[in-house]
Amino acid sequence: MLLISADLNELLELSDRVLVMLKGKIVAELSNSPKISEEELGLYMLGVKDQLEGREPVEK
């Protein structure tokens, strides 16, 4: 199931895995665990962090 939401609490409660996209590009792929914070997700959403920089693009 694909869940799209701007409510980070909702995403973290309902998801097993979180992909963060910025400008049409996946910048982070995270397994949902208690150590993922809203602040960390926000950094990826704002483009401050890019976990997948330099990796091959994910297949569309």
N, C-alpha and C. Protein backbone atom coordinates (compact mmCIF):
# COMPACT_ATOMS: atom_id res chain seq x y z
N MET A 1 0.84 -1.16 0.00
CA MET A 1 0.00 0.00 0.00
C MET A 1 0.89 1.23 0.00
N LEU A 2 0.52 2.21 -0.72
CA LEU A 2 1.24 3.48 -0.77
C LEU A 2 0.47 4.50 0.05
N LEU A 3 1.13 5.11 1.00
CA LEU A 3 0.52 6.14 1.84
C LEU A 3 1.28 7.44 1.62
N ILE A 4 0.57 8.47 1.24
CA ILE A 4 1.17 9.79 1.05
C ILE A 4 0.52 10.71 2.07
N SER A 5 1.36 11.36 2.88
CA SER A 5 0.82 12.23 3.91
C SER A 5 1.83 13.29 4.31
N ALA A 6 1.34 14.45 4.67
CA ALA A 6 2.21 15.50 5.21
C ALA A 6 2.27 15.40 6.73
N ASP A 7 1.45 14.52 7.32
CA ASP A 7 1.42 14.33 8.76
C ASP A 7 2.47 13.28 9.13
N LEU A 8 3.61 13.73 9.65
CA LEU A 8 4.71 12.81 9.93
C LEU A 8 4.36 11.80 11.01
N ASN A 9 3.58 12.19 12.01
CA ASN A 9 3.15 11.23 13.03
C ASN A 9 2.37 10.08 12.40
N GLU A 10 1.47 10.43 11.50
CA GLU A 10 0.67 9.42 10.81
C GLU A 10 1.56 8.48 10.01
N LEU A 11 2.52 9.02 9.29
CA LEU A 11 3.44 8.19 8.50
C LEU A 11 4.21 7.22 9.39
N LEU A 12 4.74 7.72 10.48
CA LEU A 12 5.55 6.88 11.36
C LEU A 12 4.71 5.82 12.07
N GLU A 13 3.46 6.11 12.35
CA GLU A 13 2.59 5.14 13.01
C GLU A 13 2.14 4.03 12.07
N LEU A 14 1.94 4.34 10.79
CA LEU A 14 1.32 3.39 9.86
C LEU A 14 2.29 2.70 8.90
N SER A 15 3.54 3.16 8.84
CA SER A 15 4.46 2.66 7.81
C SER A 15 5.53 1.73 8.36
N ASP A 16 5.88 0.73 7.53
CA ASP A 16 7.02 -0.13 7.83
C ASP A 16 8.30 0.43 7.22
N ARG A 17 8.13 1.15 6.13
CA ARG A 17 9.26 1.74 5.42
C ARG A 17 8.85 3.10 4.92
N VAL A 18 9.78 4.05 4.93
CA VAL A 18 9.49 5.41 4.51
C VAL A 18 10.47 5.82 3.42
N LEU A 19 9.94 6.29 2.30
CA LEU A 19 10.76 6.86 1.23
C LEU A 19 10.47 8.35 1.20
N VAL A 20 11.52 9.16 1.19
CA VAL A 20 11.37 10.61 1.16
C VAL A 20 11.75 11.08 -0.23
N MET A 21 10.86 11.85 -0.86
CA MET A 21 11.12 12.40 -2.18
C MET A 21 11.26 13.90 -2.11
N LEU A 22 12.16 14.43 -2.93
CA LEU A 22 12.35 15.87 -3.05
C LEU A 22 12.58 16.18 -4.52
N LYS A 23 11.77 17.04 -5.08
CA LYS A 23 11.88 17.43 -6.49
C LYS A 23 11.86 16.22 -7.43
N GLY A 24 11.00 15.24 -7.13
CA GLY A 24 10.84 14.07 -7.97
C GLY A 24 11.92 13.02 -7.82
N LYS A 25 12.81 13.17 -6.85
CA LYS A 25 13.91 12.24 -6.65
C LYS A 25 13.83 11.66 -5.24
N ILE A 26 14.04 10.35 -5.11
CA ILE A 26 14.05 9.74 -3.78
C ILE A 26 15.38 10.10 -3.13
N VAL A 27 15.31 10.74 -1.96
CA VAL A 27 16.52 11.17 -1.25
C VAL A 27 16.80 10.35 0.00
N ALA A 28 15.83 9.54 0.44
CA ALA A 28 16.05 8.70 1.61
C ALA A 28 15.11 7.50 1.58
N GLU A 29 15.63 6.36 2.01
CA GLU A 29 14.85 5.14 2.16
C GLU A 29 15.15 4.62 3.55
N LEU A 30 14.15 4.66 4.43
CA LEU A 30 14.35 4.33 5.83
C LEU A 30 13.40 3.23 6.27
N SER A 31 13.92 2.25 6.98
CA SER A 31 13.06 1.28 7.64
C SER A 31 12.51 1.95 8.88
N ASN A 32 11.21 1.87 9.07
CA ASN A 32 10.59 2.54 10.20
C ASN A 32 11.00 1.85 11.49
N SER A 33 11.56 2.60 12.39
CA SER A 33 11.94 2.11 13.71
C SER A 33 11.84 3.26 14.69
N PRO A 34 11.85 2.97 15.98
CA PRO A 34 11.73 4.06 16.96
C PRO A 34 12.82 5.12 16.86
N LYS A 35 13.95 4.80 16.23
CA LYS A 35 15.03 5.80 16.16
C LYS A 35 14.85 6.84 15.05
N ILE A 36 13.86 6.67 14.17
CA ILE A 36 13.58 7.69 13.17
C ILE A 36 12.77 8.80 13.84
N SER A 37 13.24 10.03 13.69
CA SER A 37 12.53 11.15 14.31
C SER A 37 11.91 12.03 13.23
N GLU A 38 10.94 12.83 13.65
CA GLU A 38 10.33 13.79 12.73
C GLU A 38 11.39 14.79 12.25
N GLU A 39 12.33 15.13 13.12
CA GLU A 39 13.38 16.09 12.75
C GLU A 39 14.25 15.53 11.63
N GLU A 40 14.61 14.24 11.74
CA GLU A 40 15.44 13.62 10.71
C GLU A 40 14.69 13.60 9.37
N LEU A 41 13.42 13.20 9.40
CA LEU A 41 12.63 13.20 8.17
C LEU A 41 12.54 14.61 7.59
N GLY A 42 12.38 15.61 8.44
CA GLY A 42 12.31 16.99 7.99
C GLY A 42 13.57 17.43 7.27
N LEU A 43 14.74 16.98 7.74
CA LEU A 43 15.99 17.33 7.07
C LEU A 43 16.04 16.77 5.66
N TYR A 44 15.56 15.54 5.48
CA TYR A 44 15.50 14.96 4.14
C TYR A 44 14.47 15.70 3.28
N MET A 45 13.32 16.04 3.87
CA MET A 45 12.27 16.72 3.12
C MET A 45 12.70 18.10 2.65
N LEU A 46 13.54 18.77 3.44
CA LEU A 46 14.03 20.10 3.08
C LEU A 46 15.25 20.08 2.17
N GLY A 47 15.83 18.90 1.97
CA GLY A 47 17.01 18.79 1.11
C GLY A 47 18.31 19.04 1.84
N VAL A 48 18.28 19.14 3.16
CA VAL A 48 19.50 19.35 3.94
C VAL A 48 20.35 18.08 3.94
N LYS A 49 19.68 16.91 3.98
CA LYS A 49 20.36 15.63 3.94
C LYS A 49 19.90 14.87 2.70
N ASP A 50 20.81 14.09 2.11
CA ASP A 50 20.48 13.24 0.97
C ASP A 50 21.17 11.90 1.19
N GLN A 51 20.44 10.95 1.71
CA GLN A 51 20.98 9.64 2.05
C GLN A 51 21.45 8.88 0.82
N LEU A 52 20.80 9.07 -0.31
CA LEU A 52 21.08 8.28 -1.50
C LEU A 52 21.99 9.00 -2.49
N GLU A 53 22.62 10.08 -2.08
CA GLU A 53 23.53 10.84 -2.95
C GLU A 53 24.61 9.91 -3.50
N GLY A 54 24.79 9.91 -4.80
CA GLY A 54 25.84 9.12 -5.42
C GLY A 54 25.46 7.67 -5.70
N ARG A 55 24.29 7.24 -5.27
CA ARG A 55 23.84 5.88 -5.56
C ARG A 55 23.11 5.86 -6.89
N GLU A 56 22.96 4.65 -7.42
CA GLU A 56 22.19 4.49 -8.65
C GLU A 56 20.74 4.86 -8.37
N PRO A 57 20.06 5.49 -9.30
CA PRO A 57 18.66 5.84 -9.09
C PRO A 57 17.79 4.61 -8.90
N VAL A 58 16.74 4.73 -8.12
CA VAL A 58 15.80 3.65 -7.91
C VAL A 58 14.99 3.47 -9.18
N GLU A 59 14.76 2.20 -9.57
CA GLU A 59 13.96 1.92 -10.77
C GLU A 59 12.58 2.52 -10.65
N LYS A 60 12.08 3.08 -11.73
CA LYS A 60 10.73 3.67 -11.74
C LYS A 60 9.73 2.64 -12.16
